[in-house]
Structures are given as structure tokens and as C-alpha cells.
PDB file of N, CA and C in Angstrom:
ATOM      1  N   UNK A   1     111.264  24.971  24.217  1.00  0.00           N
ATOM      2  CA  UNK A   1     111.877  24.491  24.983  1.00  0.00           C
ATOM      3  C   UNK A   1     111.030  23.265  25.748  1.00  0.00           C
ATOM      4  N   UNK A   2     110.859  22.550  25.910  1.00  0.00           N
ATOM      5  CA  UNK A   2     110.518  21.292  26.475  1.00  0.00           C
ATOM      6  C   UNK A   2     109.892  21.347  28.300  1.00  0.00           C
ATOM      7  N   UNK A   3     109.104  20.865  28.534  1.00  0.00           N
ATOM      8  CA  UNK A   3     109.197  20.805  30.426  1.00  0.00           C
ATOM      9  C   UNK A   3     110.191  20.475  31.130  1.00  0.00           C
ATOM     10  N   UNK A   4     110.939  19.588  31.072  1.00  0.00           N
ATOM     11  CA  UNK A   4     112.186  19.225  31.474  1.00  0.00           C
ATOM     12  C   UNK A   4     113.201  20.570  32.022  1.00  0.00           C
ATOM     13  N   UNK A   5     113.354  21.216  30.524  1.00  0.00           N
ATOM     14  CA  UNK A   5     114.395  22.092  30.403  1.00  0.00           C
ATOM     15  C   UNK A   5     113.378  23.487  31.201  1.00  0.00           C
ATOM     16  N   UNK A   6     112.177  23.851  30.934  1.00  0.00           N
ATOM     17  CA  UNK A   6     111.700  24.776  31.895  1.00  0.00           C
ATOM     18  C   UNK A   6     111.988  24.725  33.233  1.00  0.00           C
ATOM     19  N   UNK A   7     112.410  23.468  34.029  1.00  0.00           N
ATOM     20  CA  UNK A   7     111.678  22.778  35.300  1.00  0.00           C
ATOM     21  C   UNK A   7     113.117  22.994  35.865  1.00  0.00           C
ATOM     22  N   UNK A   8     113.968  22.653  34.848  1.00  0.00           N
ATOM     23  CA  UNK A   8     115.611  23.019  35.842  1.00  0.00           C
ATOM     24  C   UNK A   8     116.052  24.184  35.261  1.00  0.00           C
ATOM     25  N   UNK A   9     115.330  25.359  33.907  1.00  0.00           N
ATOM     26  CA  UNK A   9     115.683  26.771  34.415  1.00  0.00           C
ATOM     27  C   UNK A   9     115.544  27.567  35.357  1.00  0.00           C
ATOM     28  N   UNK A  10     114.065  27.401  36.268  1.00  0.00           N
ATOM     29  CA  UNK A  10     112.929  27.785  37.336  1.00  0.00           C
ATOM     30  C   UNK A  10     114.024  27.137  38.465  1.00  0.00           C
ATOM     31  N   UNK A  11     114.624  25.841  38.570  1.00  0.00           N
ATOM     32  CA  UNK A  11     115.206  25.407  39.701  1.00  0.00           C
ATOM     33  C   UNK A  11     116.819  26.461  39.627  1.00  0.00           C
ATOM     34  N   UNK A  12     117.361  26.727  38.647  1.00  0.00           N
ATOM     35  CA  UNK A  12     118.180  27.595  38.365  1.00  0.00           C
ATOM     36  C   UNK A  12     117.934  28.918  39.334  1.00  0.00           C
ATOM     37  N   UNK A  13     117.326  29.591  38.659  1.00  0.00           N
ATOM     38  CA  UNK A  13     117.136  30.811  39.449  1.00  0.00           C
ATOM     39  C   UNK A  13     116.613  30.755  40.579  1.00  0.00           C
ATOM     40  N   UNK A  14     115.781  30.153  40.974  1.00  0.00           N
ATOM     41  CA  UNK A  14     115.265  29.715  42.422  1.00  0.00           C
ATOM     42  C   UNK A  14     116.562  28.993  43.261  1.00  0.00           C
ATOM     43  N   UNK A  15     117.654  28.558  43.196  1.00  0.00           N
ATOM     44  CA  UNK A  15     119.267  28.537  43.957  1.00  0.00           C
ATOM     45  C   UNK A  15     119.805  29.672  43.706  1.00  0.00           C
ATOM     46  N   UNK A  16     119.907  30.371  43.051  1.00  0.00           N
ATOM     47  CA  UNK A  16     120.579  31.260  42.615  1.00  0.00           C
ATOM     48  C   UNK A  16     119.676  32.705  42.867  1.00  0.00           C
ATOM     49  N   UNK A  17     118.759  32.963  43.649  1.00  0.00           N
ATOM     50  CA  UNK A  17     117.984  33.826  44.016  1.00  0.00           C
ATOM     51  C   UNK A  17     117.950  33.532  45.823  1.00  0.00           C
ATOM     52  N   UNK A  18     117.330  32.199  46.225  1.00  0.00           N
ATOM     53  CA  UNK A  18     117.073  32.128  47.356  1.00  0.00           C
ATOM     54  C   UNK A  18     117.990  32.995  48.419  1.00  0.00           C
ATOM     55  N   UNK A  19     119.097  33.024  48.587  1.00  0.00           N
ATOM     56  CA  UNK A  19     119.879  33.782  49.215  1.00  0.00           C
ATOM     57  C   UNK A  19     119.491  35.275  49.229  1.00  0.00           C
ATOM     58  N   UNK A  20     118.950  35.672  48.746  1.00  0.00           N
ATOM     59  CA  UNK A  20     118.486  36.665  48.152  1.00  0.00           C
ATOM     60  C   UNK A  20     117.036  37.546  49.251  1.00  0.00           C
ATOM     61  N   UNK A  21     116.470  35.668  48.886  1.00  0.00           N
ATOM     62  CA  UNK A  21     114.614  35.973  49.060  1.00  0.00           C
ATOM     63  C   UNK A  21     114.787  35.610  50.950  1.00  0.00           C
ATOM     64  N   UNK A  22     115.978  34.913  51.227  1.00  0.00           N
ATOM     65  CA  UNK A  22     115.681  35.006  52.809  1.00  0.00           C
ATOM     66  C   UNK A  22     115.534  36.063  53.390  1.00  0.00           C
ATOM     67  N   UNK A  23     114.661  35.696  54.563  1.00  0.00           N
ATOM     68  CA  UNK A  23     113.784  36.489  56.153  1.00  0.00           C
ATOM     69  C   UNK A  23     114.559  36.430  56.898  1.00  0.00           C
ATOM     70  N   UNK A  24     115.100  37.451  57.289  1.00  0.00           N
ATOM     71  CA  UNK A  24     115.486  37.526  59.001  1.00  0.00           C
ATOM     72  C   UNK A  24     113.841  37.180  60.060  1.00  0.00           C
ATOM     73  N   UNK A  25     115.221  36.329  60.672  1.00  0.00           N
ATOM     74  CA  UNK A  25     113.718  35.809  61.388  1.00  0.00           C
ATOM     75  C   UNK A  25     113.019  36.854  62.220  1.00  0.00           C
ATOM     76  N   UNK A  26     113.733  38.175  63.092  1.00  0.00           N
ATOM     77  CA  UNK A  26     113.599  38.837  63.928  1.00  0.00           C
ATOM     78  C   UNK A  26     112.534  39.849  63.384  1.00  0.00           C
ATOM     79  N   UNK A  27     112.528  39.994  61.752  1.00  0.00           N
ATOM     80  CA  UNK A  27     111.500  40.570  61.517  1.00  0.00           C
ATOM     81  C   UNK A  27     110.040  39.816  60.820  1.00  0.00           C
ATOM     82  N   UNK A  28     110.322  38.766  60.727  1.00  0.00           N
ATOM     83  CA  UNK A  28     109.208  37.853  60.257  1.00  0.00           C
ATOM     84  C   UNK A  28     108.253  37.069  61.693  1.00  0.00           C
ATOM     85  N   UNK A  29     108.920  38.030  63.264  1.00  0.00           N
ATOM     86  CA  UNK A  29     107.876  37.862  64.127  1.00  0.00           C
ATOM     87  C   UNK A  29     106.600  38.977  64.196  1.00  0.00           C
ATOM     88  N   UNK A  30     105.563  38.596  64.643  1.00  0.00           N
ATOM     89  CA  UNK A  30     104.384  39.455  64.301  1.00  0.00           C
ATOM     90  C   UNK A  30     104.613  40.419  65.469  1.00  0.00           C
ATOM     91  N   UNK A  31     104.423  41.770  66.111  1.00  0.00           N
ATOM     92  CA  UNK A  31     104.782  42.294  66.460  1.00  0.00           C
ATOM     93  C   UNK A  31     103.525  43.125  66.773  1.00  0.00           C
ATOM     94  N   UNK A  32     103.537  43.756  68.635  1.00  0.00           N
ATOM     95  CA  UNK A  32     102.563  44.478  68.713  1.00  0.00           C
ATOM     96  C   UNK A  32     101.917  45.541  69.695  1.00  0.00           C
ATOM     97  N   UNK A  33     100.967  46.051  70.043  1.00  0.00           N
ATOM     98  CA  UNK A  33     101.711  47.391  70.643  1.00  0.00           C
ATOM     99  C   UNK A  33     101.168  47.670  72.267  1.00  0.00           C
ATOM    100  N   UNK A  34     102.317  47.607  72.358  1.00  0.00           N
ATOM    101  CA  UNK A  34     103.001  47.785  74.077  1.00  0.00           C
ATOM    102  C   UNK A  34     102.497  49.514  74.439  1.00  0.00           C
ATOM    103  N   UNK A  35     101.949  50.010  75.426  1.00  0.00           N
ATOM    104  CA  UNK A  35     102.254  51.177  75.877  1.00  0.00           C
ATOM    105  C   UNK A  35     102.831  51.173  77.354  1.00  0.00           C
ATOM    106  N   UNK A  36     103.805  52.466  77.031  1.00  0.00           N
ATOM    107  CA  UNK A  36     104.405  52.701  78.200  1.00  0.00           C
ATOM    108  C   UNK A  36     104.481  53.626  78.708  1.00  0.00           C
ATOM    109  N   UNK A  37     104.002  54.223  80.103  1.00  0.00           N
ATOM    110  CA  UNK A  37     104.003  55.725  80.306  1.00  0.00           C
ATOM    111  C   UNK A  37     105.416  55.692  81.087  1.00  0.00           C
ATOM    112  N   UNK A  38     106.278  56.937  80.919  1.00  0.00           N
ATOM    113  CA  UNK A  38     107.325  57.125  81.179  1.00  0.00           C
ATOM    114  C   UNK A  38     107.199  57.680  83.809  1.00  0.00           C
ATOM    115  N   UNK A  39     108.600  57.339  83.769  1.00  0.00           N
ATOM    116  CA  UNK A  39     108.876  57.720  84.938  1.00  0.00           C
ATOM    117  C   UNK A  39     108.525  56.408  86.011  1.00  0.00           C
ATOM    118  N   UNK A  40     108.387  56.952  87.600  1.00  0.00           N
ATOM    119  CA  UNK A  40     108.594  55.848  87.707  1.00  0.00           C
ATOM    120  C   UNK A  40     109.487  54.891  88.514  1.00  0.00           C
ATOM    121  N   UNK A  41     109.373  53.753  88.690  1.00  0.00           N
ATOM    122  CA  UNK A  41     110.964  52.431  88.608  1.00  0.00           C
ATOM    123  C   UNK A  41     111.247  52.253  87.325  1.00  0.00           C
ATOM    124  N   UNK A  42     110.353  52.707  86.282  1.00  0.00           N
ATOM    125  CA  UNK A  42     111.070  52.649  85.060  1.00  0.00           C
ATOM    126  C   UNK A  42     112.506  52.599  85.085  1.00  0.00           C
ATOM    127  N   UNK A  43     113.372  51.521  84.281  1.00  0.00           N
ATOM    128  CA  UNK A  43     115.253  52.003  84.179  1.00  0.00           C
ATOM    129  C   UNK A  43     114.995  51.726  82.917  1.00  0.00           C
ATOM    130  N   UNK A  44     116.304  52.561  82.523  1.00  0.00           N
ATOM    131  CA  UNK A  44     116.811  52.885  81.358  1.00  0.00           C
ATOM    132  C   UNK A  44     117.987  52.995  81.172  1.00  0.00           C
ATOM    133  N   UNK A  45     118.827  52.052  80.153  1.00  0.00           N
ATOM    134  CA  UNK A  45     119.926  51.227  80.355  1.00  0.00           C
ATOM    135  C   UNK A  45     120.617  51.054  79.340  1.00  0.00           C
ATOM    136  N   UNK A  46     122.306  51.198  78.826  1.00  0.00           N
ATOM    137  CA  UNK A  46     122.488  50.952  77.718  1.00  0.00           C
ATOM    138  C   UNK A  46     122.927  49.754  77.747  1.00  0.00           C
ATOM    139  N   UNK A  47     122.757  49.237  76.709  1.00  0.00           N
ATOM    140  CA  UNK A  47     123.554  47.078  76.625  1.00  0.00           C
ATOM    141  C   UNK A  47     124.586  47.101  76.448  1.00  0.00           C
ATOM    142  N   UNK A  48     125.880  48.404  75.751  1.00  0.00           N
ATOM    143  CA  UNK A  48     126.962  48.302  75.574  1.00  0.00           C
ATOM    144  C   UNK A  48     127.268  47.933  74.089  1.00  0.00           C
ATOM    145  N   UNK A  49     125.980  47.950  73.155  1.00  0.00           N
ATOM    146  CA  UNK A  49     125.721  47.732  71.730  1.00  0.00           C
ATOM    147  C   UNK A  49     125.411  48.699  70.878  1.00  0.00           C
ATOM    148  N   UNK A  50     125.097  49.962  71.483  1.00  0.00           N
ATOM    149  CA  UNK A  50     124.579  50.961  70.574  1.00  0.00           C
ATOM    150  C   UNK A  50     122.671  50.723  71.242  1.00  0.00           C
ATOM    151  N   UNK A  51     122.658  49.997  72.297  1.00  0.00           N
ATOM    152  CA  UNK A  51     120.933  49.713  72.496  1.00  0.00           C
ATOM    153  C   UNK A  51     120.127  49.791  73.637  1.00  0.00           C
ATOM    154  N   UNK A  52     119.204  49.826  74.092  1.00  0.00           N
ATOM    155  CA  UNK A  52     118.938  50.169  75.119  1.00  0.00           C
ATOM    156  C   UNK A  52     118.252  48.462  75.816  1.00  0.00           C
ATOM    157  N   UNK A  53     117.823  48.898  77.154  1.00  0.00           N
ATOM    158  CA  UNK A  53     116.782  47.657  77.488  1.00  0.00           C
ATOM    159  C   UNK A  53     115.964  48.556  79.094  1.00  0.00           C
ATOM    160  N   UNK A  54     114.994  48.518  78.505  1.00  0.00           N
ATOM    161  CA  UNK A  54     114.213  48.584  79.376  1.00  0.00           C
ATOM    162  C   UNK A  54     113.363  48.382  81.012  1.00  0.00           C
ATOM    163  N   UNK A  55     113.546  48.525  81.895  1.00  0.00           N
ATOM    164  CA  UNK A  55     113.292  47.638  82.512  1.00  0.00           C
ATOM    165  C   UNK A  55     111.831  48.148  83.182  1.00  0.00           C
ATOM    166  N   UNK A  56     110.159  47.536  83.338  1.00  0.00           N
ATOM    167  CA  UNK A  56     109.213  48.271  83.475  1.00  0.00           C
ATOM    168  C   UNK A  56     108.590  47.615  84.451  1.00  0.00           C
ATOM    169  N   UNK A  57     107.886  47.737  85.450  1.00  0.00           N
ATOM    170  CA  UNK A  57     106.174  47.257  85.154  1.00  0.00           C
ATOM    171  C   UNK A  57     105.091  47.266  84.293  1.00  0.00           C
ATOM    172  N   UNK A  58     104.565  45.463  85.089  1.00  0.00           N
ATOM    173  CA  UNK A  58     103.373  45.449  84.510  1.00  0.00           C
ATOM    174  C   UNK A  58     102.208  45.829  84.401  1.00  0.00           C
ATOM    175  N   UNK A  59     100.836  46.708  83.955  1.00  0.00           N
ATOM    176  CA  UNK A  59     100.385  47.414  83.941  1.00  0.00           C
ATOM    177  C   UNK A  59      99.114  46.491  84.657  1.00  0.00           C
ATOM    178  N   UNK A  60      98.523  46.770  85.476  1.00  0.00           N
ATOM    179  CA  UNK A  60      97.531  45.963  86.140  1.00  0.00           C
ATOM    180  C   UNK A  60      96.149  45.100  85.105  1.00  0.00           C
ATOM    181  N   UNK A  61      95.874  46.388  84.244  1.00  0.00           N
ATOM    182  CA  UNK A  61      94.877  45.744  82.841  1.00  0.00           C
ATOM    183  C   UNK A  61      95.387  45.877  81.402  1.00  0.00           C
ATOM    184  N   UNK A  62      94.058  46.142  80.766  1.00  0.00           N
ATOM    185  CA  UNK A  62      94.829  46.789  79.282  1.00  0.00           C
ATOM    186  C   UNK A  62      94.904  48.303  79.623  1.00  0.00           C
ATOM    187  N   UNK A  63      96.104  48.789  78.636  1.00  0.00           N
ATOM    188  CA  UNK A  63      96.576  49.824  78.288  1.00  0.00           C
ATOM    189  C   UNK A  63      94.955  51.469  78.304  1.00  0.00           C
ATOM    190  N   UNK A  64      93.893  50.596  78.279  1.00  0.00           N
ATOM    191  CA  UNK A  64      92.261  52.021  78.294  1.00  0.00           C
ATOM    192  C   UNK A  64      91.921  52.317  79.590  1.00  0.00           C
ATOM    193  N   UNK A  65      93.233  51.187  80.072  1.00  0.00           N
ATOM    194  CA  UNK A  65      92.411  51.069  81.533  1.00  0.00           C
ATOM    195  C   UNK A  65      93.208  52.089  82.477  1.00  0.00           C
ATOM    196  N   UNK A  66      94.392  52.343  82.078  1.00  0.00           N
ATOM    197  CA  UNK A  66      95.518  53.634  83.030  1.00  0.00           C
ATOM    198  C   UNK A  66      96.374  52.946  82.954  1.00  0.00           C
ATOM    199  N   UNK A  67      97.985  53.528  82.960  1.00  0.00           N
ATOM    200  CA  UNK A  67      99.086  53.059  83.585  1.00  0.00           C
ATOM    201  C   UNK A  67      99.163  54.271  84.606  1.00  0.00           C
ATOM    202  N   UNK A  68     100.608  53.862  85.607  1.00  0.00           N
ATOM    203  CA  UNK A  68     101.194  54.164  86.806  1.00  0.00           C
ATOM    204  C   UNK A  68     102.348  54.512  85.898  1.00  0.00           C
ATOM    205  N   UNK A  69     102.819  56.017  86.760  1.00  0.00           N
ATOM    206  CA  UNK A  69     104.447  55.741  86.118  1.00  0.00           C
ATOM    207  C   UNK A  69     105.232  54.873  86.274  1.00  0.00           C
ATOM    208  N   UNK A  70     106.455  54.259  85.041  1.00  0.00           N
ATOM    209  CA  UNK A  70     107.393  52.972  84.581  1.00  0.00           C
ATOM    210  C   UNK A  70     106.194  51.870  84.331  1.00  0.00           C
ATOM    211  N   UNK A  71     104.969  52.077  83.990  1.00  0.00           N
ATOM    212  CA  UNK A  71     104.242  50.794  83.556  1.00  0.00           C
ATOM    213  C   UNK A  71     104.321  50.602  82.411  1.00  0.00           C
ATOM    214  N   UNK A  72     104.186  49.445  81.897  1.00  0.00           N
ATOM    215  CA  UNK A  72     103.689  48.926  80.374  1.00  0.00           C
ATOM    216  C   UNK A  72     102.779  48.275  80.701  1.00  0.00           C
ATOM    217  N   UNK A  73     101.357  48.193  79.094  1.00  0.00           N
ATOM    218  CA  UNK A  73     100.999  47.266  79.016  1.00  0.00           C
ATOM    219  C   UNK A  73     100.893  46.750  77.808  1.00  0.00           C
ATOM    220  N   UNK A  74      99.566  45.522  77.409  1.00  0.00           N
ATOM    221  CA  UNK A  74      99.063  45.318  76.172  1.00  0.00           C
ATOM    222  C   UNK A  74      97.521  46.805  75.730  1.00  0.00           C
ATOM    223  N   UNK A  75      97.793  46.330  74.436  1.00  0.00           N
ATOM    224  CA  UNK A  75      96.684  47.849  74.809  1.00  0.00           C
ATOM    225  C   UNK A  75      95.179  47.145  74.816  1.00  0.00           C
ATOM    226  N   UNK A  76      95.572  45.273  74.696  1.00  0.00           N
ATOM    227  CA  UNK A  76      94.009  44.484  74.954  1.00  0.00           C
ATOM    228  C   UNK A  76      93.827  43.956  76.045  1.00  0.00           C
ATOM    229  N   UNK A  77      95.235  43.901  77.159  1.00  0.00           N
ATOM    230  CA  UNK A  77      95.240  42.902  78.022  1.00  0.00           C
ATOM    231  C   UNK A  77      96.313  43.028  78.421  1.00  0.00           C
ATOM    232  N   UNK A  78      96.609  43.257  80.397  1.00  0.00           N
ATOM    233  CA  UNK A  78      97.237  42.130  81.027  1.00  0.00           C
ATOM    234  C   UNK A  78      98.507  42.082  80.681  1.00  0.00           C
ATOM    235  N   UNK A  79      99.557  42.073  80.609  1.00  0.00           N
ATOM    236  CA  UNK A  79     100.274  40.657  80.357  1.00  0.00           C
ATOM    237  C   UNK A  79     100.595  40.101  80.898  1.00  0.00           C
ATOM    238  N   UNK A  80     100.856  38.682  80.582  1.00  0.00           N
ATOM    239  CA  UNK A  80     100.628  37.309  81.361  1.00  0.00           C
ATOM    240  C   UNK A  80     102.126  37.372  82.608  1.00  0.00           C
ATOM    241  N   UNK A  81     102.302  36.343  83.322  1.00  0.00           N
ATOM    242  CA  UNK A  81     103.506  36.069  84.292  1.00  0.00           C
ATOM    243  C   UNK A  81     104.850  36.084  83.709  1.00  0.00           C
ATOM    244  N   UNK A  82     104.053  34.766  82.731  1.00  0.00           N
ATOM    245  CA  UNK A  82     105.844  34.583  82.130  1.00  0.00           C
ATOM    246  C   UNK A  82     106.255  35.827  80.691  1.00  0.00           C
ATOM    247  N   UNK A  83     105.636  36.350  81.493  1.00  0.00           N
ATOM    248  CA  UNK A  83     106.261  37.937  79.617  1.00  0.00           C
ATOM    249  C   UNK A  83     107.425  38.107  80.303  1.00  0.00           C
ATOM    250  N   UNK A  84     107.960  38.976  79.305  1.00  0.00           N
ATOM    251  CA  UNK A  84     109.325  39.523  80.058  1.00  0.00           C
ATOM    252  C   UNK A  84     108.957  40.938  79.964  1.00  0.00           C
ATOM    253  N   UNK A  85     109.210  41.430  81.568  1.00  0.00           N
ATOM    254  CA  UNK A  85     109.535  42.445  81.658  1.00  0.00           C
ATOM    255  C   UNK A  85     110.397  43.676  81.206  1.00  0.00           C
ATOM    256  N   UNK A  86     110.737  43.129  80.462  1.00  0.00           N
ATOM    257  CA  UNK A  86     111.584  44.223  79.676  1.00  0.00           C
ATOM    258  C   UNK A  86     112.007  44.539  77.986  1.00  0.00           C
ATOM    259  N   UNK A  87     112.247  45.772  77.911  1.00  0.00           N
ATOM    260  CA  UNK A  87     111.857  46.196  76.596  1.00  0.00           C
ATOM    261  C   UNK A  87     113.457  45.905  75.762  1.00  0.00           C
ATOM    262  N   UNK A  88     113.944  45.559  74.973  1.00  0.00           N
ATOM    263  CA  UNK A  88     115.068  45.694  74.027  1.00  0.00           C
ATOM    264  C   UNK A  88     114.943  46.566  72.951  1.00  0.00           C
ATOM    265  N   UNK A  89     115.657  47.253  72.764  1.00  0.00           N
ATOM    266  CA  UNK A  89     116.156  47.623  71.243  1.00  0.00           C
ATOM    267  C   UNK A  89     117.707  47.855  70.777  1.00  0.00           C
ATOM    268  N   UNK A  90     117.486  47.718  69.865  1.00  0.00           N
ATOM    269  CA  UNK A  90     119.087  47.953  69.315  1.00  0.00           C
ATOM    270  C   UNK A  90     119.462  48.411  67.995  1.00  0.00           C
ATOM    271  N   UNK A  91     118.067  49.319  67.232  1.00  0.00           N
ATOM    272  CA  UNK A  91     117.957  50.139  66.734  1.00  0.00           C
ATOM    273  C   UNK A  91     118.095  51.630  66.916  1.00  0.00           C
ATOM    274  N   UNK A  92     118.310  52.225  66.368  1.00  0.00           N
ATOM    275  CA  UNK A  92     118.268  53.630  66.231  1.00  0.00           C
ATOM    276  C   UNK A  92     116.923  54.200  66.561  1.00  0.00           C
ATOM    277  N   UNK A  93     116.027  53.384  66.665  1.00  0.00           N
ATOM    278  CA  UNK A  93     114.634  53.757  67.411  1.00  0.00           C
ATOM    279  C   UNK A  93     114.498  54.467  68.499  1.00  0.00           C
ATOM    280  N   UNK A  94     115.566  53.619  69.150  1.00  0.00           N
ATOM    281  CA  UNK A  94     115.329  53.886  71.110  1.00  0.00           C
ATOM    282  C   UNK A  94     115.339  55.860  71.221  1.00  0.00           C
ATOM    283  N   UNK A  95     116.042  56.170  69.999  1.00  0.00           N
ATOM    284  CA  UNK A  95     115.754  58.124  69.903  1.00  0.00           C
ATOM    285  C   UNK A  95     115.043  58.428  70.242  1.00  0.00           C
ATOM    286  N   UNK A  96     113.852  57.967  68.807  1.00  0.00           N
ATOM    287  CA  UNK A  96     112.790  58.409  69.505  1.00  0.00           C
ATOM    288  C   UNK A  96     111.814  58.435  70.465  1.00  0.00           C
ATOM    289  N   UNK A  97     111.914  57.976  71.475  1.00  0.00           N
ATOM    290  CA  UNK A  97     111.223  57.663  72.669  1.00  0.00           C
ATOM    291  C   UNK A  97     111.827  57.196  74.164  1.00  0.00           C
ATOM    292  N   UNK A  98     112.945  57.083  74.137  1.00  0.00           N
ATOM    293  CA  UNK A  98     113.387  57.110  75.446  1.00  0.00           C
ATOM    294  C   UNK A  98     113.638  58.517  76.290  1.00  0.00           C
ATOM    295  N   UNK A  99     113.776  59.371  75.523  1.00  0.00           N
ATOM    296  CA  UNK A  99     113.536  61.005  76.405  1.00  0.00           C
ATOM    297  C   UNK A  99     111.649  60.597  77.052  1.00  0.00           C
ATOM    298  N   UNK A 100     111.006  60.711  75.858  1.00  0.00           N
ATOM    299  CA  UNK A 100     109.141  60.611  76.510  1.00  0.00           C
ATOM    300  C   UNK A 100     109.941  59.824  77.977  1.00  0.00           C
ATOM    301  N   UNK A 101     110.032  58.399  77.665  1.00  0.00           N
ATOM    302  CA  UNK A 101     110.054  57.852  78.834  1.00  0.00           C
ATOM    303  C   UNK A 101     111.077  58.448  80.419  1.00  0.00           C
ATOM    304  N   UNK A 102     111.387  59.340  80.760  1.00  0.00           N
ATOM    305  CA  UNK A 102     112.108  59.776  81.592  1.00  0.00           C
ATOM    306  C   UNK A 102     111.153  60.457  82.065  1.00  0.00           C
ATOM    307  N   UNK A 103     109.773  61.373  81.770  1.00  0.00           N
ATOM    308  CA  UNK A 103     108.884  62.131  82.190  1.00  0.00           C
ATOM    309  C   UNK A 103     107.723  61.605  82.051  1.00  0.00           C
ATOM    310  N   UNK A 104     107.263  61.194  83.422  1.00  0.00           N
ATOM    311  CA  UNK A 104     106.084  60.380  83.841  1.00  0.00           C
ATOM    312  C   UNK A 104     105.175  60.704  83.427  1.00  0.00           C
ATOM    313  N   UNK A 105     104.841  61.979  82.788  1.00  0.00           N
ATOM    314  CA  UNK A 105     103.778  62.636  82.490  1.00  0.00           C
ATOM    315  C   UNK A 105     103.654  62.031  80.417  1.00  0.00           C
ATOM    316  N   UNK A 106     104.127  61.090  80.293  1.00  0.00           N
ATOM    317  CA  UNK A 106     104.406  61.319  78.519  1.00  0.00           C
ATOM    318  C   UNK A 106     104.367  59.007  78.304  1.00  0.00           C
ATOM    319  N   UNK A 107     104.006  59.298  77.171  1.00  0.00           N
ATOM    320  CA  UNK A 107     103.720  57.802  77.079  1.00  0.00           C
ATOM    321  C   UNK A 107     104.112  57.319  75.320  1.00  0.00           C
ATOM    322  N   UNK A 108     104.584  55.807  75.312  1.00  0.00           N
ATOM    323  CA  UNK A 108     104.987  55.935  73.821  1.00  0.00           C
ATOM    324  C   UNK A 108     104.774  54.207  73.673  1.00  0.00           C
ATOM    325  N   UNK A 109     104.140  54.192  72.538  1.00  0.00           N
ATOM    326  CA  UNK A 109     103.901  52.814  72.279  1.00  0.00           C
ATOM    327  C   UNK A 109     104.940  52.310  71.075  1.00  0.00           C
ATOM    328  N   UNK A 110     104.691  51.325  71.617  1.00  0.00           N
ATOM    329  CA  UNK A 110     105.845  50.196  70.878  1.00  0.00           C
ATOM    330  C   UNK A 110     105.489  49.202  70.305  1.00  0.00           C
ATOM    331  N   UNK A 111     106.167  48.713  69.106  1.00  0.00           N
ATOM    332  CA  UNK A 111     105.592  47.493  68.446  1.00  0.00           C
ATOM    333  C   UNK A 111     106.839  46.655  69.036  1.00  0.00           C
ATOM    334  N   UNK A 112     106.028  45.429  69.246  1.00  0.00           N
ATOM    335  CA  UNK A 112     107.151  44.838  70.339  1.00  0.00           C
ATOM    336  C   UNK A 112     106.574  42.617  69.787  1.00  0.00           C
ATOM    337  N   UNK A 113     107.716  42.307  70.376  1.00  0.00           N
ATOM    338  CA  UNK A 113     107.099  40.506  70.349  1.00  0.00           C
ATOM    339  C   UNK A 113     108.022  40.154  71.469  1.00  0.00           C
ATOM    340  N   UNK A 114     108.033  39.335  71.911  1.00  0.00           N
ATOM    341  CA  UNK A 114     108.676  38.859  73.088  1.00  0.00           C
ATOM    342  C   UNK A 114     109.685  37.555  72.214  1.00  0.00           C
ATOM    343  N   UNK A 115     111.101  38.349  72.520  1.00  0.00           N
ATOM    344  CA  UNK A 115     112.188  37.316  71.570  1.00  0.00           C
ATOM    345  C   UNK A 115     112.775  35.769  72.152  1.00  0.00           C
ATOM    346  N   UNK A 116     111.934  35.637  73.395  1.00  0.00           N
ATOM    347  CA  UNK A 116     112.330  34.230  74.153  1.00  0.00           C
ATOM    348  C   UNK A 116     113.211  33.902  74.442  1.00  0.00           C
ATOM    349  N   UNK A 117     113.998  35.324  74.710  1.00  0.00           N
ATOM    350  CA  UNK A 117     115.282  35.803  75.474  1.00  0.00           C
ATOM    351  C   UNK A 117     115.403  36.447  76.626  1.00  0.00           C
ATOM    352  N   UNK A 118     113.718  36.877  77.229  1.00  0.00           N
ATOM    353  CA  UNK A 118     114.219  37.619  78.547  1.00  0.00           C
ATOM    354  C   UNK A 118     113.866  39.178  77.853  1.00  0.00           C
ATOM    355  N   UNK A 119     113.355  39.416  76.556  1.00  0.00           N
ATOM    356  CA  UNK A 119     112.734  40.707  76.043  1.00  0.00           C
ATOM    357  C   UNK A 119     111.815  40.669  75.429  1.00  0.00           C
ATOM    358  N   UNK A 120     111.315  41.841  75.193  1.00  0.00           N
ATOM    359  CA  UNK A 120     110.086  42.761  74.817  1.00  0.00           C
ATOM    360  C   UNK A 120     110.865  43.091  73.693  1.00  0.00           C
ATOM    361  N   UNK A 121     111.055  42.241  72.681  1.00  0.00           N
ATOM    362  CA  UNK A 121     111.945  43.272  71.196  1.00  0.00           C
ATOM    363  C   UNK A 121     111.085  44.744  70.293  1.00  0.00           C
ATOM    364  N   UNK A 122     112.091  45.908  70.400  1.00  0.00           N
ATOM    365  CA  UNK A 122     111.121  46.697  69.761  1.00  0.00           C
ATOM    366  C   UNK A 122     111.243  46.355  67.796  1.00  0.00           C
ATOM    367  N   UNK A 123     110.278  46.456  67.476  1.00  0.00           N
ATOM    368  CA  UNK A 123     110.384  46.238  65.451  1.00  0.00           C
ATOM    369  C   UNK A 123     109.734  47.547  65.090  1.00  0.00           C
ATOM    370  N   UNK A 124     109.614  48.563  66.094  1.00  0.00           N
ATOM    371  CA  UNK A 124     108.649  50.037  65.369  1.00  0.00           C
ATOM    372  C   UNK A 124     108.691  50.734  66.019  1.00  0.00           C
ATOM    373  N   UNK A 125     108.132  52.174  66.096  1.00  0.00           N
ATOM    374  CA  UNK A 125     107.827  52.881  67.117  1.00  0.00           C
ATOM    375  C   UNK A 125     106.407  53.107  66.552  1.00  0.00           C
ATOM    376  N   UNK A 126     105.302  53.395  67.462  1.00  0.00           N
ATOM    377  CA  UNK A 126     103.766  54.005  66.865  1.00  0.00           C
ATOM    378  C   UNK A 126     103.262  52.649  67.039  1.00  0.00           C
ATOM    379  N   UNK A 127     101.812  53.570  66.511  1.00  0.00           N
ATOM    380  CA  UNK A 127     100.492  52.277  66.864  1.00  0.00           C
ATOM    381  C   UNK A 127     100.479  51.570  65.765  1.00  0.00           C
TER     382      UNK A 127
END
């Protein structure tokens, strides 16, 4: 098989496989740990599509500095003024932590990213 035939064969395979290799942009985003303390003024609402929207108050510093009930913050710093104060989760993972967030003595760590639509989008639960 000559070089031109090999290139044509490889191009054909790539063309066939490329739809299978596409990456969902939501899963390609880098996620970061957001720690939340339950209770307080934290608001949990069903979004109407089997997901939840959780509104919280930002912590004053990093998670290690402590949180008041109803606050969430990054593990290494406070949220910036322009970062969303709403967590959105459209997956079944919400069942793993929503019950914790009702109790002011419970904490949840969520891996999230700013979806640029007003939400910290959950990608998974845990540190």
C-alpha cells in the first residue's frame, strides 16, 4: 500500500469515527471543589427538569476559614464578586447531597464549574 492510499484510509477512518469521538463541552470543563454548609438561608428548588437549583451566600474566605450555615466557598479562596451564587445540578447526583444541605451541621463538597449562564454546574460529588 503506497503512502497516498494509507493517508486516504486513515482519513476515511477518522471521518467515520469522529462523531463517536466528540466530547460534550459540559464534561470538558475543568471543575473545582466548592464546599457548602447546609441550613441558613440556603434555598433548594426543583428546576422543573428533574434537577435542582441551590442558592447560597458566599463564604468570606476559603473553606478552611469556616462557613456559616447556608454558605459555600472554594477550598482555596472566597468567591469573586462576578461568580454565580447558584448551584445547578441536572443529574442524579443531587440525591447524594441535597438532604445534607438541609442540616446546618452538615457539609457537602461538590465539583463545579461556572457554566457562564448564572450557575455553578455540578460535575460530581466529593473532593
